[in-house]
């Protein structure tokens, strides 16, 4: 755990300040996590300062649309995937 950043899979510390790109993962929009888009926007503003990074959303099964996040977060790009079960 890296305070102010989140979890890291590497031993190197990251610096989230002044990013060119911010990737927002769709799991945050799932009701069971209790995160609201305003908190995500606040975090983006906090780490971005005067810079306006590109915001990329990556989700499955239209979660940003179903949760209303696409109307509240100004995504520059939204990558949405649909999963289907395959019978064997």
C-alpha atoms as a PDB file:
ATOM      1  CA  UNK A   1       0.000   0.000   0.000  1.00  0.00           C
ATOM      2  CA  UNK A   2       1.269   3.441  -0.940  1.00  0.00           C
ATOM      3  CA  UNK A   3      -0.464   6.255   0.966  1.00  0.00           C
ATOM      4  CA  UNK A   4      -2.295   8.676  -1.328  1.00  0.00           C
ATOM      5  CA  UNK A   5      -1.830   6.407  -4.330  1.00  0.00           C
ATOM      6  CA  UNK A   6      -3.213   2.941  -3.629  1.00  0.00           C
ATOM      7  CA  UNK A   7      -1.774  -0.513  -4.093  1.00  0.00           C
ATOM      8  CA  UNK A   8       1.329  -1.171  -6.148  1.00  0.00           C
ATOM      9  CA  UNK A   9       2.624  -4.448  -7.535  1.00  0.00           C
ATOM     10  CA  UNK A  10       6.159  -3.061  -7.757  1.00  0.00           C
ATOM     11  CA  UNK A  11       8.632  -1.980  -5.110  1.00  0.00           C
ATOM     12  CA  UNK A  12       9.128   1.368  -6.887  1.00  0.00           C
ATOM     13  CA  UNK A  13       7.169   4.297  -5.507  1.00  0.00           C
ATOM     14  CA  UNK A  14       5.069   6.238  -7.973  1.00  0.00           C
ATOM     15  CA  UNK A  15       4.425   9.966  -8.031  1.00  0.00           C
ATOM     16  CA  UNK A  16       0.827  10.681  -9.004  1.00  0.00           C
ATOM     17  CA  UNK A  17       1.325  14.455  -9.230  1.00  0.00           C
ATOM     18  CA  UNK A  18       0.700  16.219 -12.580  1.00  0.00           C
ATOM     19  CA  UNK A  19      -0.319  13.161 -14.644  1.00  0.00           C
ATOM     20  CA  UNK A  20      -0.829  13.325 -18.390  1.00  0.00           C
ATOM     21  CA  UNK A  21      -3.422  10.545 -18.178  1.00  0.00           C
ATOM     22  CA  UNK A  22      -5.674   9.197 -15.423  1.00  0.00           C
ATOM     23  CA  UNK A  23      -7.279   5.781 -15.869  1.00  0.00           C
ATOM     24  CA  UNK A  24     -10.502   5.256 -13.915  1.00  0.00           C
ATOM     25  CA  UNK A  25     -11.434   1.610 -13.441  1.00  0.00           C
ATOM     26  CA  UNK A  26     -15.090   0.615 -13.573  1.00  0.00           C
ATOM     27  CA  UNK A  27     -14.971  -1.351 -10.346  1.00  0.00           C
ATOM     28  CA  UNK A  28     -15.111   1.969  -8.502  1.00  0.00           C
ATOM     29  CA  UNK A  29     -18.617   2.556  -9.895  1.00  0.00           C
ATOM     30  CA  UNK A  30     -19.970  -0.719  -8.527  1.00  0.00           C
ATOM     31  CA  UNK A  31     -22.469  -0.088  -5.703  1.00  0.00           C
ATOM     32  CA  UNK A  32     -20.746  -2.473  -3.283  1.00  0.00           C
ATOM     33  CA  UNK A  33     -17.669  -0.208  -3.149  1.00  0.00           C
ATOM     34  CA  UNK A  34     -19.578   2.966  -2.220  1.00  0.00           C
ATOM     35  CA  UNK A  35     -17.398   5.323  -4.265  1.00  0.00           C
ATOM     36  CA  UNK A  36     -19.119   8.318  -5.848  1.00  0.00           C
ATOM     37  CA  UNK A  37     -17.903  10.067  -9.017  1.00  0.00           C
ATOM     38  CA  UNK A  38     -17.433  13.340  -7.131  1.00  0.00           C
ATOM     39  CA  UNK A  39     -14.718  11.666  -5.006  1.00  0.00           C
ATOM     40  CA  UNK A  40     -12.947  10.528  -8.173  1.00  0.00           C
ATOM     41  CA  UNK A  41     -13.154  14.040  -9.642  1.00  0.00           C
ATOM     42  CA  UNK A  42     -11.804  15.497  -6.384  1.00  0.00           C
ATOM     43  CA  UNK A  43      -8.873  13.056  -6.461  1.00  0.00           C
ATOM     44  CA  UNK A  44      -8.127  13.906 -10.107  1.00  0.00           C
ATOM     45  CA  UNK A  45      -8.181  17.621  -9.276  1.00  0.00           C
ATOM     46  CA  UNK A  46      -5.970  17.076  -6.228  1.00  0.00           C
ATOM     47  CA  UNK A  47      -3.220  15.270  -8.135  1.00  0.00           C
ATOM     48  CA  UNK A  48      -3.514  17.350 -11.329  1.00  0.00           C
ATOM     49  CA  UNK A  49      -3.205  20.895 -10.053  1.00  0.00           C
ATOM     50  CA  UNK A  50      -3.408  23.259 -13.029  1.00  0.00           C
ATOM     51  CA  UNK A  51      -2.827  20.498 -15.588  1.00  0.00           C
ATOM     52  CA  UNK A  52      -5.836  18.858 -17.255  1.00  0.00           C
ATOM     53  CA  UNK A  53      -5.017  15.187 -17.803  1.00  0.00           C
ATOM     54  CA  UNK A  54      -6.825  12.970 -20.278  1.00  0.00           C
ATOM     55  CA  UNK A  55      -9.315  10.780 -18.425  1.00  0.00           C
ATOM     56  CA  UNK A  56      -9.718   7.223 -19.679  1.00  0.00           C
ATOM     57  CA  UNK A  57     -12.462   4.993 -18.298  1.00  0.00           C
ATOM     58  CA  UNK A  58     -12.075   1.214 -18.489  1.00  0.00           C
ATOM     59  CA  UNK A  59     -15.078  -0.887 -17.512  1.00  0.00           C
ATOM     60  CA  UNK A  60     -17.173  -3.970 -18.184  1.00  0.00           C
ATOM     61  CA  UNK A  61     -20.868  -4.364 -18.891  1.00  0.00           C
ATOM     62  CA  UNK A  62     -21.734  -0.617 -19.106  1.00  0.00           C
ATOM     63  CA  UNK A  63     -21.104   0.021 -15.389  1.00  0.00           C
ATOM     64  CA  UNK A  64     -20.205   3.695 -15.912  1.00  0.00           C
ATOM     65  CA  UNK A  65     -23.412   4.237 -17.890  1.00  0.00           C
ATOM     66  CA  UNK A  66     -25.580   2.237 -15.457  1.00  0.00           C
ATOM     67  CA  UNK A  67     -24.134   4.134 -12.469  1.00  0.00           C
ATOM     68  CA  UNK A  68     -24.487   7.532 -14.189  1.00  0.00           C
ATOM     69  CA  UNK A  69     -20.751   8.233 -14.084  1.00  0.00           C
ATOM     70  CA  UNK A  70     -20.445   8.995 -17.801  1.00  0.00           C
ATOM     71  CA  UNK A  71     -22.532  12.140 -17.219  1.00  0.00           C
ATOM     72  CA  UNK A  72     -20.432  13.273 -14.239  1.00  0.00           C
ATOM     73  CA  UNK A  73     -16.849  12.462 -15.249  1.00  0.00           C
ATOM     74  CA  UNK A  74     -15.552  14.051 -18.479  1.00  0.00           C
ATOM     75  CA  UNK A  75     -14.021  10.913 -19.985  1.00  0.00           C
ATOM     76  CA  UNK A  76     -11.875  11.589 -23.046  1.00  0.00           C
ATOM     77  CA  UNK A  77     -12.026   7.907 -23.903  1.00  0.00           C
ATOM     78  CA  UNK A  78     -14.255   5.162 -22.562  1.00  0.00           C
ATOM     79  CA  UNK A  79     -13.344   1.515 -23.090  1.00  0.00           C
ATOM     80  CA  UNK A  80     -16.293  -0.729 -22.297  1.00  0.00           C
ATOM     81  CA  UNK A  81     -16.292  -4.494 -22.716  1.00  0.00           C
ATOM     82  CA  UNK A  82     -19.102  -7.018 -22.608  1.00  0.00           C
ATOM     83  CA  UNK A  83     -18.466 -10.499 -21.258  1.00  0.00           C
ATOM     84  CA  UNK A  84     -20.427 -13.575 -22.205  1.00  0.00           C
ATOM     85  CA  UNK A  85     -20.271 -17.092 -20.853  1.00  0.00           C
ATOM     86  CA  UNK A  86     -19.207 -19.781 -23.228  1.00  0.00           C
ATOM     87  CA  UNK A  87     -20.664 -23.260 -22.745  1.00  0.00           C
ATOM     88  CA  UNK A  88     -18.184 -26.109 -23.027  1.00  0.00           C
END
